[in-house]
Structures are given as structure tokens and as C-alpha cells.
C-alpha atoms as a PDB file:
ATOM      1  CA  UNK A   1      -6.049 -19.787   1.107  1.00  0.00           C
ATOM      2  CA  UNK A   2      -5.883 -17.127   3.774  1.00  0.00           C
ATOM      3  CA  UNK A   3      -6.929 -13.547   2.851  1.00  0.00           C
ATOM      4  CA  UNK A   4      -3.509 -12.234   3.912  1.00  0.00           C
ATOM      5  CA  UNK A   5      -1.751 -14.634   1.561  1.00  0.00           C
ATOM      6  CA  UNK A   6      -4.083 -13.604  -1.252  1.00  0.00           C
ATOM      7  CA  UNK A   7      -3.309  -9.938  -0.607  1.00  0.00           C
ATOM      8  CA  UNK A   8       0.449 -10.548  -0.573  1.00  0.00           C
ATOM      9  CA  UNK A   9       0.267 -12.676  -3.720  1.00  0.00           C
ATOM     10  CA  UNK A  10      -1.742  -9.939  -5.449  1.00  0.00           C
ATOM     11  CA  UNK A  11       0.830  -7.317  -4.415  1.00  0.00           C
ATOM     12  CA  UNK A  12       3.675  -9.541  -5.627  1.00  0.00           C
ATOM     13  CA  UNK A  13       1.980 -10.075  -9.004  1.00  0.00           C
ATOM     14  CA  UNK A  14       1.494  -6.323  -9.399  1.00  0.00           C
ATOM     15  CA  UNK A  15       5.152  -5.649  -8.635  1.00  0.00           C
ATOM     16  CA  UNK A  16       6.332  -8.339 -11.088  1.00  0.00           C
ATOM     17  CA  UNK A  17       4.051  -6.832 -13.746  1.00  0.00           C
ATOM     18  CA  UNK A  18       5.406  -3.343 -13.057  1.00  0.00           C
ATOM     19  CA  UNK A  19       8.989  -4.572 -13.370  1.00  0.00           C
ATOM     20  CA  UNK A  20       8.204  -6.375 -16.630  1.00  0.00           C
ATOM     21  CA  UNK A  21       6.620  -3.206 -17.987  1.00  0.00           C
ATOM     22  CA  UNK A  22       9.688  -1.208 -16.929  1.00  0.00           C
ATOM     23  CA  UNK A  23      11.889  -3.645 -18.863  1.00  0.00           C
ATOM     24  CA  UNK A  24       9.656  -3.374 -21.935  1.00  0.00           C
ATOM     25  CA  UNK A  25       9.743   0.440 -21.680  1.00  0.00           C
ATOM     26  CA  UNK A  26      13.548   0.279 -21.375  1.00  0.00           C
ATOM     27  CA  UNK A  27      13.426   1.888 -17.915  1.00  0.00           C
ATOM     28  CA  UNK A  28      15.303  -1.200 -16.683  1.00  0.00           C
ATOM     29  CA  UNK A  29      17.658  -3.455 -18.639  1.00  0.00           C
ATOM     30  CA  UNK A  30      15.794  -6.175 -20.548  1.00  0.00           C
ATOM     31  CA  UNK A  31      17.505  -8.944 -18.579  1.00  0.00           C
ATOM     32  CA  UNK A  32      16.349  -7.660 -15.179  1.00  0.00           C
ATOM     33  CA  UNK A  33      14.661 -10.412 -13.192  1.00  0.00           C
ATOM     34  CA  UNK A  34      11.247  -9.208 -11.985  1.00  0.00           C
ATOM     35  CA  UNK A  35      10.926 -12.159  -9.591  1.00  0.00           C
ATOM     36  CA  UNK A  36      14.219 -11.306  -7.921  1.00  0.00           C
ATOM     37  CA  UNK A  37      13.076  -7.699  -7.540  1.00  0.00           C
ATOM     38  CA  UNK A  38       9.766  -8.822  -6.052  1.00  0.00           C
ATOM     39  CA  UNK A  39      11.531 -11.204  -3.659  1.00  0.00           C
ATOM     40  CA  UNK A  40      13.890  -8.465  -2.486  1.00  0.00           C
ATOM     41  CA  UNK A  41      11.084  -5.960  -1.960  1.00  0.00           C
ATOM     42  CA  UNK A  42       8.859  -8.386  -0.045  1.00  0.00           C
ATOM     43  CA  UNK A  43      11.825  -9.491   2.064  1.00  0.00           C
ATOM     44  CA  UNK A  44      12.714  -5.889   2.841  1.00  0.00           C
ATOM     45  CA  UNK A  45       9.134  -5.104   3.816  1.00  0.00           C
ATOM     46  CA  UNK A  46       8.884  -8.200   6.046  1.00  0.00           C
ATOM     47  CA  UNK A  47      12.068  -7.186   7.835  1.00  0.00           C
ATOM     48  CA  UNK A  48      10.853  -3.590   8.160  1.00  0.00           C
ATOM     49  CA  UNK A  49       7.583  -4.729   9.746  1.00  0.00           C
ATOM     50  CA  UNK A  50       9.392  -7.121  12.112  1.00  0.00           C
ATOM     51  CA  UNK A  51      11.794  -4.376  13.203  1.00  0.00           C
ATOM     52  CA  UNK A  52       8.897  -1.939  13.563  1.00  0.00           C
ATOM     53  CA  UNK A  53       7.059  -4.348  15.851  1.00  0.00           C
ATOM     54  CA  UNK A  54      10.139  -5.314  17.895  1.00  0.00           C
ATOM     55  CA  UNK A  55      11.169  -1.710  18.491  1.00  0.00           C
ATOM     56  CA  UNK A  56       7.736  -0.478  19.496  1.00  0.00           C
ATOM     57  CA  UNK A  57       6.727   1.019  16.151  1.00  0.00           C
ATOM     58  CA  UNK A  58       9.135   3.967  16.042  1.00  0.00           C
ATOM     59  CA  UNK A  59       9.771   3.841  12.296  1.00  0.00           C
ATOM     60  CA  UNK A  60       7.804   5.154   9.353  1.00  0.00           C
ATOM     61  CA  UNK A  61       6.816   2.005   7.430  1.00  0.00           C
ATOM     62  CA  UNK A  62       5.726   3.936   4.341  1.00  0.00           C
ATOM     63  CA  UNK A  63       9.068   5.722   4.286  1.00  0.00           C
ATOM     64  CA  UNK A  64      10.867   2.409   4.738  1.00  0.00           C
ATOM     65  CA  UNK A  65       8.919   0.969   1.815  1.00  0.00           C
ATOM     66  CA  UNK A  66       9.834   3.892  -0.420  1.00  0.00           C
ATOM     67  CA  UNK A  67      13.508   3.639   0.577  1.00  0.00           C
ATOM     68  CA  UNK A  68      13.570  -0.125  -0.034  1.00  0.00           C
ATOM     69  CA  UNK A  69      11.952   0.337  -3.444  1.00  0.00           C
ATOM     70  CA  UNK A  70      14.497   2.999  -4.478  1.00  0.00           C
ATOM     71  CA  UNK A  71      17.441   0.824  -3.414  1.00  0.00           C
ATOM     72  CA  UNK A  72      16.090  -2.285  -5.133  1.00  0.00           C
ATOM     73  CA  UNK A  73      15.251  -0.360  -8.317  1.00  0.00           C
ATOM     74  CA  UNK A  74      18.749   1.139  -8.425  1.00  0.00           C
ATOM     75  CA  UNK A  75      20.230  -2.316  -7.898  1.00  0.00           C
ATOM     76  CA  UNK A  76      18.212  -3.768 -10.753  1.00  0.00           C
ATOM     77  CA  UNK A  77      19.313  -0.893 -12.977  1.00  0.00           C
ATOM     78  CA  UNK A  78      23.000  -1.234 -12.155  1.00  0.00           C
ATOM     79  CA  UNK A  79      23.490  -5.003 -11.972  1.00  0.00           C
ATOM     80  CA  UNK A  80      21.102  -6.459 -14.518  1.00  0.00           C
ATOM     81  CA  UNK A  81      23.638  -6.422 -17.357  1.00  0.00           C
ATOM     82  CA  UNK A  82      26.521  -7.797 -15.253  1.00  0.00           C
ATOM     83  CA  UNK A  83      27.346 -11.484 -15.667  1.00  0.00           C
ATOM     84  CA  UNK A  84      25.895 -13.657 -12.904  1.00  0.00           C
ATOM     85  CA  UNK A  85      29.389 -14.844 -12.023  1.00  0.00           C
ATOM     86  CA  UNK A  86      30.279 -11.227 -11.240  1.00  0.00           C
ATOM     87  CA  UNK A  87      27.362 -10.832  -8.853  1.00  0.00           C
ATOM     88  CA  UNK A  88      24.944  -9.587 -11.493  1.00  0.00           C
ATOM     89  CA  UNK A  89      21.325 -10.426 -12.066  1.00  0.00           C
ATOM     90  CA  UNK A  90      19.868 -13.695 -10.943  1.00  0.00           C
ATOM     91  CA  UNK A  91      18.241 -14.625 -14.232  1.00  0.00           C
ATOM     92  CA  UNK A  92      16.035 -17.604 -14.860  1.00  0.00           C
ATOM     93  CA  UNK A  93      18.968 -19.230 -16.685  1.00  0.00           C
ATOM     94  CA  UNK A  94      21.024 -18.972 -13.473  1.00  0.00           C
ATOM     95  CA  UNK A  95      18.417 -20.808 -11.385  1.00  0.00           C
ATOM     96  CA  UNK A  96      18.862 -24.501 -10.628  1.00  0.00           C
ATOM     97  CA  UNK A  97      16.520 -26.866 -12.409  1.00  0.00           C
ATOM     98  CA  UNK A  98      13.676 -28.099 -10.195  1.00  0.00           C
END
């Protein structure tokens, strides 16, 4: 494994753990999907870095990370209890069988 992959995997595991702890502490609804949250955050950060590089680094990446986190957190709070058919959480039960 490449050191960059190891670092990203470690970050992803930490974020999943934090989301699980938030669910246990009732800061997020119990049916929030920590893997969906992690996927959204990593995707947002990848896009932020790509845009930053393409535009000559004009943006504040730390600020973009904070903004992405706030939006994703709010989305997990507001949609976790909604049925999946209504655009709610992507729970493990909603995922196709491998």
C-alpha cells in the first residue's frame, strides 16, 4: 500500500468513528450512515483540491473543508430519519447485496 492511501484510509476510519460516536451520543439520528457521510466528505475534499489546483490555488482549502463538513453534518441530521424512497439516508439495508 502507498503511504497516501494509508493516510486517507486512516482519516476515513477516524471520520466514520466520529460519526458513530455522534449517533451514540444522540448528536445525529441513530440511523445515520457513517460510511455515506465519510464518502461525501472525502468526495467533497477531492473536488475541492482538484478545483484548487485547476484554478491556481486561489481558495482556502481549510475553509472549504470546514464548509463541506458543516453541510454534510446538517444533511445527515436532517435526512437520516427520512425513508430512503423519499431521498433519505442511504442505510446499509438500502445497499444492493454484493
